[in-house]
Amino acid sequence: MLTTAGLAGFIAEHGIAATLLTPPASTPTVAAAAAALGVDERQIIKSLLFLVHEEPLLIIASGTALVDRRLLAERFEIGKKQVRLADAATVLRLTGYPVGGVPPFGHQVTACVLLDRAMQKWDVVYGGGGDERTLLSISPAELARVTSGEWIEMGE
């Protein structure tokens, strides 16, 4: 399993303009993270791992966005049943991080990344920092640069 310290090393090694924060409370959910930081839930980003034809797809979405498998299926021109949310064991195996702490980058396996365009309205967003007690602070532009992600409309 990868650690927050390993993520900090990845950030430093790759010259990423991001900061790891340790709020005073656990942050395993969007609501808990927003409350701990005193920010809007839409500023919290969630890194969700899907499997498309068994290939990993990372969706980085605004905290309030609902990710519709139909939207993903249409994007890849496949049937909805060929898109599924990865279970906790698969998330840990492919990213190296547990559900609730998955950062948007620095994973064990490289995946295609789609970014929720709704994040672009914020100067800073906050995502998983490797565990349930750590958050990552980063600008949407830096997030797009680091992940080479494609911006798409997710809706809310």
C-alpha atoms as a PDB file:
ATOM      1  CA  MET A   1       0.000   0.000   0.000  1.00  0.00           C
ATOM      2  CA  LEU A   2       1.234   3.492  -0.840  1.00  0.00           C
ATOM      3  CA  THR A   3       1.451   6.145   1.870  1.00  0.00           C
ATOM      4  CA  THR A   4       0.971   9.869   2.309  1.00  0.00           C
ATOM      5  CA  ALA A   5       4.750  10.154   2.693  1.00  0.00           C
ATOM      6  CA  GLY A   6       5.153   8.445  -0.663  1.00  0.00           C
ATOM      7  CA  LEU A   7       2.681  10.881  -2.199  1.00  0.00           C
ATOM      8  CA  ALA A   8       4.655  13.796  -0.736  1.00  0.00           C
ATOM      9  CA  GLY A   9       7.774  12.370  -2.348  1.00  0.00           C
ATOM     10  CA  PHE A  10       5.956  12.014  -5.697  1.00  0.00           C
ATOM     11  CA  ILE A  11       4.817  15.657  -5.482  1.00  0.00           C
ATOM     12  CA  ALA A  12       8.365  16.865  -4.743  1.00  0.00           C
ATOM     13  CA  GLU A  13      10.017  14.627  -7.339  1.00  0.00           C
ATOM     14  CA  HIS A  14       7.675  15.795 -10.120  1.00  0.00           C
ATOM     15  CA  GLY A  15       7.648  19.486  -9.156  1.00  0.00           C
ATOM     16  CA  ILE A  16       3.898  19.528  -8.603  1.00  0.00           C
ATOM     17  CA  ALA A  17       2.396  22.715  -7.152  1.00  0.00           C
ATOM     18  CA  ALA A  18       0.321  20.969  -4.486  1.00  0.00           C
ATOM     19  CA  THR A  19       0.235  20.845  -0.713  1.00  0.00           C
ATOM     20  CA  LEU A  20      -0.730  18.046   1.665  1.00  0.00           C
ATOM     21  CA  LEU A  21      -2.900  19.157   4.580  1.00  0.00           C
ATOM     22  CA  THR A  22      -3.843  17.349   7.781  1.00  0.00           C
ATOM     23  CA  PRO A  23      -7.139  18.765   9.097  1.00  0.00           C
ATOM     24  CA  PRO A  24      -8.020  18.178  12.756  1.00  0.00           C
ATOM     25  CA  ALA A  25     -10.749  15.636  11.854  1.00  0.00           C
ATOM     26  CA  SER A  26     -10.933  12.544   9.640  1.00  0.00           C
ATOM     27  CA  THR A  27     -11.973  13.325   6.052  1.00  0.00           C
ATOM     28  CA  PRO A  28     -13.249  10.084   4.449  1.00  0.00           C
ATOM     29  CA  THR A  29     -16.253  11.737   2.758  1.00  0.00           C
ATOM     30  CA  VAL A  30     -16.868  14.896   0.733  1.00  0.00           C
ATOM     31  CA  ALA A  31     -19.034  16.368   3.515  1.00  0.00           C
ATOM     32  CA  ALA A  32     -16.459  15.596   6.216  1.00  0.00           C
ATOM     33  CA  ALA A  33     -13.602  17.051   4.163  1.00  0.00           C
ATOM     34  CA  ALA A  34     -15.544  20.245   3.360  1.00  0.00           C
ATOM     35  CA  ALA A  35     -16.503  20.684   7.010  1.00  0.00           C
ATOM     36  CA  ALA A  36     -12.934  20.091   8.204  1.00  0.00           C
ATOM     37  CA  LEU A  37     -11.589  22.742   5.813  1.00  0.00           C
ATOM     38  CA  GLY A  38     -14.518  25.153   5.987  1.00  0.00           C
ATOM     39  CA  VAL A  39     -15.004  25.119   2.203  1.00  0.00           C
ATOM     40  CA  ASP A  40     -17.849  24.432  -0.214  1.00  0.00           C
ATOM     41  CA  GLU A  41     -18.456  20.723  -0.917  1.00  0.00           C
ATOM     42  CA  ARG A  42     -17.981  21.490  -4.626  1.00  0.00           C
ATOM     43  CA  GLN A  43     -14.322  22.335  -3.876  1.00  0.00           C
ATOM     44  CA  ILE A  44     -13.709  18.817  -2.647  1.00  0.00           C
ATOM     45  CA  ILE A  45     -12.775  16.504  -5.472  1.00  0.00           C
ATOM     46  CA  LYS A  46     -13.267  12.780  -5.518  1.00  0.00           C
ATOM     47  CA  SER A  47     -11.026  10.387  -7.413  1.00  0.00           C
ATOM     48  CA  LEU A  48     -13.223   7.524  -8.574  1.00  0.00           C
ATOM     49  CA  LEU A  49     -11.828   4.467 -10.301  1.00  0.00           C
ATOM     50  CA  PHE A  50     -13.984   2.840 -12.941  1.00  0.00           C
ATOM     51  CA  LEU A  51     -13.243  -0.121 -15.151  1.00  0.00           C
ATOM     52  CA  VAL A  52     -14.072   0.208 -18.834  1.00  0.00           C
ATOM     53  CA  HIS A  53     -13.599  -3.137 -20.579  1.00  0.00           C
ATOM     54  CA  GLU A  54     -11.548  -3.980 -17.448  1.00  0.00           C
ATOM     55  CA  GLU A  55      -9.165  -1.056 -18.184  1.00  0.00           C
ATOM     56  CA  PRO A  56      -8.811   1.543 -15.398  1.00  0.00           C
ATOM     57  CA  LEU A  57     -10.451   4.940 -15.875  1.00  0.00           C
ATOM     58  CA  LEU A  58      -9.978   7.621 -13.236  1.00  0.00           C
ATOM     59  CA  ILE A  59     -12.761  10.157 -12.895  1.00  0.00           C
ATOM     60  CA  ILE A  60     -11.843  13.246 -10.906  1.00  0.00           C
ATOM     61  CA  ALA A  61     -15.140  14.904 -10.090  1.00  0.00           C
ATOM     62  CA  SER A  62     -16.414  17.822  -8.073  1.00  0.00           C
ATOM     63  CA  GLY A  63     -17.641  16.669  -4.672  1.00  0.00           C
ATOM     64  CA  THR A  64     -21.318  17.137  -5.484  1.00  0.00           C
ATOM     65  CA  ALA A  65     -21.198  15.627  -8.984  1.00  0.00           C
ATOM     66  CA  LEU A  66     -22.911  12.336  -9.678  1.00  0.00           C
ATOM     67  CA  VAL A  67     -20.935  10.281 -12.155  1.00  0.00           C
ATOM     68  CA  ASP A  68     -23.339   8.640 -14.583  1.00  0.00           C
ATOM     69  CA  ARG A  69     -22.107   5.388 -16.126  1.00  0.00           C
ATOM     70  CA  ARG A  70     -24.226   6.186 -19.191  1.00  0.00           C
ATOM     71  CA  LEU A  71     -22.172   9.331 -19.782  1.00  0.00           C
ATOM     72  CA  LEU A  72     -18.975   7.283 -19.592  1.00  0.00           C
ATOM     73  CA  ALA A  73     -20.377   4.579 -21.845  1.00  0.00           C
ATOM     74  CA  GLU A  74     -21.341   7.195 -24.432  1.00  0.00           C
ATOM     75  CA  ARG A  75     -17.879   8.789 -24.174  1.00  0.00           C
ATOM     76  CA  PHE A  76     -16.234   5.452 -25.005  1.00  0.00           C
ATOM     77  CA  GLU A  77     -18.992   4.315 -27.396  1.00  0.00           C
ATOM     78  CA  ILE A  78     -19.733   1.141 -25.460  1.00  0.00           C
ATOM     79  CA  GLY A  79     -22.660  -0.309 -23.535  1.00  0.00           C
ATOM     80  CA  LYS A  80     -23.346   0.875 -19.981  1.00  0.00           C
ATOM     81  CA  LYS A  81     -22.781  -2.643 -18.628  1.00  0.00           C
ATOM     82  CA  GLN A  82     -19.161  -2.442 -19.789  1.00  0.00           C
ATOM     83  CA  VAL A  83     -18.508   0.407 -17.339  1.00  0.00           C
ATOM     84  CA  ARG A  84     -18.370  -0.382 -13.643  1.00  0.00           C
ATOM     85  CA  LEU A  85     -17.173   1.271 -10.488  1.00  0.00           C
ATOM     86  CA  ALA A  86     -14.138  -0.538  -9.088  1.00  0.00           C
ATOM     87  CA  ASP A  87     -14.593  -2.231  -5.720  1.00  0.00           C
ATOM     88  CA  ALA A  88     -12.419  -1.300  -2.740  1.00  0.00           C
ATOM     89  CA  ALA A  89      -9.954  -4.163  -3.282  1.00  0.00           C
ATOM     90  CA  THR A  90      -9.479  -3.212  -6.940  1.00  0.00           C
ATOM     91  CA  VAL A  91      -9.018   0.460  -6.023  1.00  0.00           C
ATOM     92  CA  LEU A  92      -6.307  -0.489  -3.522  1.00  0.00           C
ATOM     93  CA  ARG A  93      -4.617  -2.869  -5.985  1.00  0.00           C
ATOM     94  CA  LEU A  94      -4.564  -0.417  -8.914  1.00  0.00           C
ATOM     95  CA  THR A  95      -4.007   2.908  -7.156  1.00  0.00           C
ATOM     96  CA  GLY A  96      -2.139   1.729  -4.077  1.00  0.00           C
ATOM     97  CA  TYR A  97      -4.433   3.803  -1.865  1.00  0.00           C
ATOM     98  CA  PRO A  98      -7.541   2.920   0.152  1.00  0.00           C
ATOM     99  CA  VAL A  99     -11.008   4.225  -0.750  1.00  0.00           C
ATOM    100  CA  GLY A 100     -11.526   7.505   1.114  1.00  0.00           C
ATOM    101  CA  GLY A 101      -7.941   8.640   0.617  1.00  0.00           C
ATOM    102  CA  VAL A 102      -7.241   8.114  -3.089  1.00  0.00           C
ATOM    103  CA  PRO A 103      -5.274  11.071  -4.464  1.00  0.00           C
ATOM    104  CA  PRO A 104      -5.791  12.204  -8.066  1.00  0.00           C
ATOM    105  CA  PHE A 105      -2.299  11.067  -9.151  1.00  0.00           C
ATOM    106  CA  GLY A 106       0.729   9.061  -8.028  1.00  0.00           C
ATOM    107  CA  HIS A 107      -0.935   5.679  -8.475  1.00  0.00           C
ATOM    108  CA  GLN A 108       0.635   2.284  -9.042  1.00  0.00           C
ATOM    109  CA  VAL A 109      -1.082   1.942 -12.433  1.00  0.00           C
ATOM    110  CA  THR A 110      -1.489   4.647 -15.065  1.00  0.00           C
ATOM    111  CA  ALA A 111      -5.097   5.222 -16.077  1.00  0.00           C
ATOM    112  CA  CYS A 112      -6.954   7.408 -18.527  1.00  0.00           C
ATOM    113  CA  VAL A 113      -8.205  10.486 -16.599  1.00  0.00           C
ATOM    114  CA  LEU A 114     -11.384  12.484 -17.123  1.00  0.00           C
ATOM    115  CA  LEU A 115     -11.797  15.740 -15.199  1.00  0.00           C
ATOM    116  CA  ASP A 116     -15.092  17.324 -14.188  1.00  0.00           C
ATOM    117  CA  ARG A 117     -15.270  20.745 -15.844  1.00  0.00           C
ATOM    118  CA  ALA A 118     -17.153  22.079 -12.766  1.00  0.00           C
ATOM    119  CA  MET A 119     -13.822  22.176 -10.891  1.00  0.00           C
ATOM    120  CA  GLN A 120     -12.550  24.944 -13.155  1.00  0.00           C
ATOM    121  CA  LYS A 121     -14.605  27.577 -11.335  1.00  0.00           C
ATOM    122  CA  TRP A 122     -12.411  27.264  -8.223  1.00  0.00           C
ATOM    123  CA  ASP A 123      -8.884  28.588  -7.665  1.00  0.00           C
ATOM    124  CA  VAL A 124      -8.117  25.634  -5.400  1.00  0.00           C
ATOM    125  CA  VAL A 125      -9.668  22.183  -4.981  1.00  0.00           C
ATOM    126  CA  TYR A 126      -9.012  19.582  -2.296  1.00  0.00           C
ATOM    127  CA  GLY A 127      -8.727  15.859  -2.912  1.00  0.00           C
ATOM    128  CA  GLY A 128      -7.570  12.706  -1.216  1.00  0.00           C
ATOM    129  CA  GLY A 129      -4.083  12.870   0.205  1.00  0.00           C
ATOM    130  CA  GLY A 130      -3.353   9.181   0.606  1.00  0.00           C
ATOM    131  CA  ASP A 131      -5.407   8.363   3.700  1.00  0.00           C
ATOM    132  CA  GLU A 132      -8.574   9.420   5.550  1.00  0.00           C
ATOM    133  CA  ARG A 133      -6.728  12.113   7.542  1.00  0.00           C
ATOM    134  CA  THR A 134      -4.860  13.889   4.732  1.00  0.00           C
ATOM    135  CA  LEU A 135      -6.049  16.136   1.912  1.00  0.00           C
ATOM    136  CA  LEU A 136      -4.284  17.459  -1.151  1.00  0.00           C
ATOM    137  CA  SER A 137      -4.647  21.137  -2.123  1.00  0.00           C
ATOM    138  CA  ILE A 138      -4.118  21.901  -5.828  1.00  0.00           C
ATOM    139  CA  SER A 139      -5.360  24.241  -8.544  1.00  0.00           C
ATOM    140  CA  PRO A 140      -7.547  22.734 -11.271  1.00  0.00           C
ATOM    141  CA  ALA A 141      -5.032  23.860 -13.920  1.00  0.00           C
ATOM    142  CA  GLU A 142      -2.177  22.081 -12.126  1.00  0.00           C
ATOM    143  CA  LEU A 143      -4.366  19.009 -11.685  1.00  0.00           C
ATOM    144  CA  ALA A 144      -5.027  18.916 -15.434  1.00  0.00           C
ATOM    145  CA  ARG A 145      -1.324  19.345 -16.177  1.00  0.00           C
ATOM    146  CA  VAL A 146      -0.211  16.586 -13.824  1.00  0.00           C
ATOM    147  CA  THR A 147      -2.856  14.046 -14.839  1.00  0.00           C
ATOM    148  CA  SER A 148      -2.984  14.914 -18.564  1.00  0.00           C
ATOM    149  CA  GLY A 149      -6.717  14.599 -18.012  1.00  0.00           C
ATOM    150  CA  GLU A 150      -9.463  15.551 -20.418  1.00  0.00           C
ATOM    151  CA  TRP A 151     -12.101  18.046 -19.245  1.00  0.00           C
ATOM    152  CA  ILE A 152     -15.694  16.851 -19.625  1.00  0.00           C
ATOM    153  CA  GLU A 153     -19.139  17.942 -18.434  1.00  0.00           C
ATOM    154  CA  MET A 154     -20.329  15.731 -15.585  1.00  0.00           C
ATOM    155  CA  GLY A 155     -23.324  17.704 -14.362  1.00  0.00           C
ATOM    156  CA  GLU A 156     -24.360  18.014 -10.726  1.00  0.00           C
END
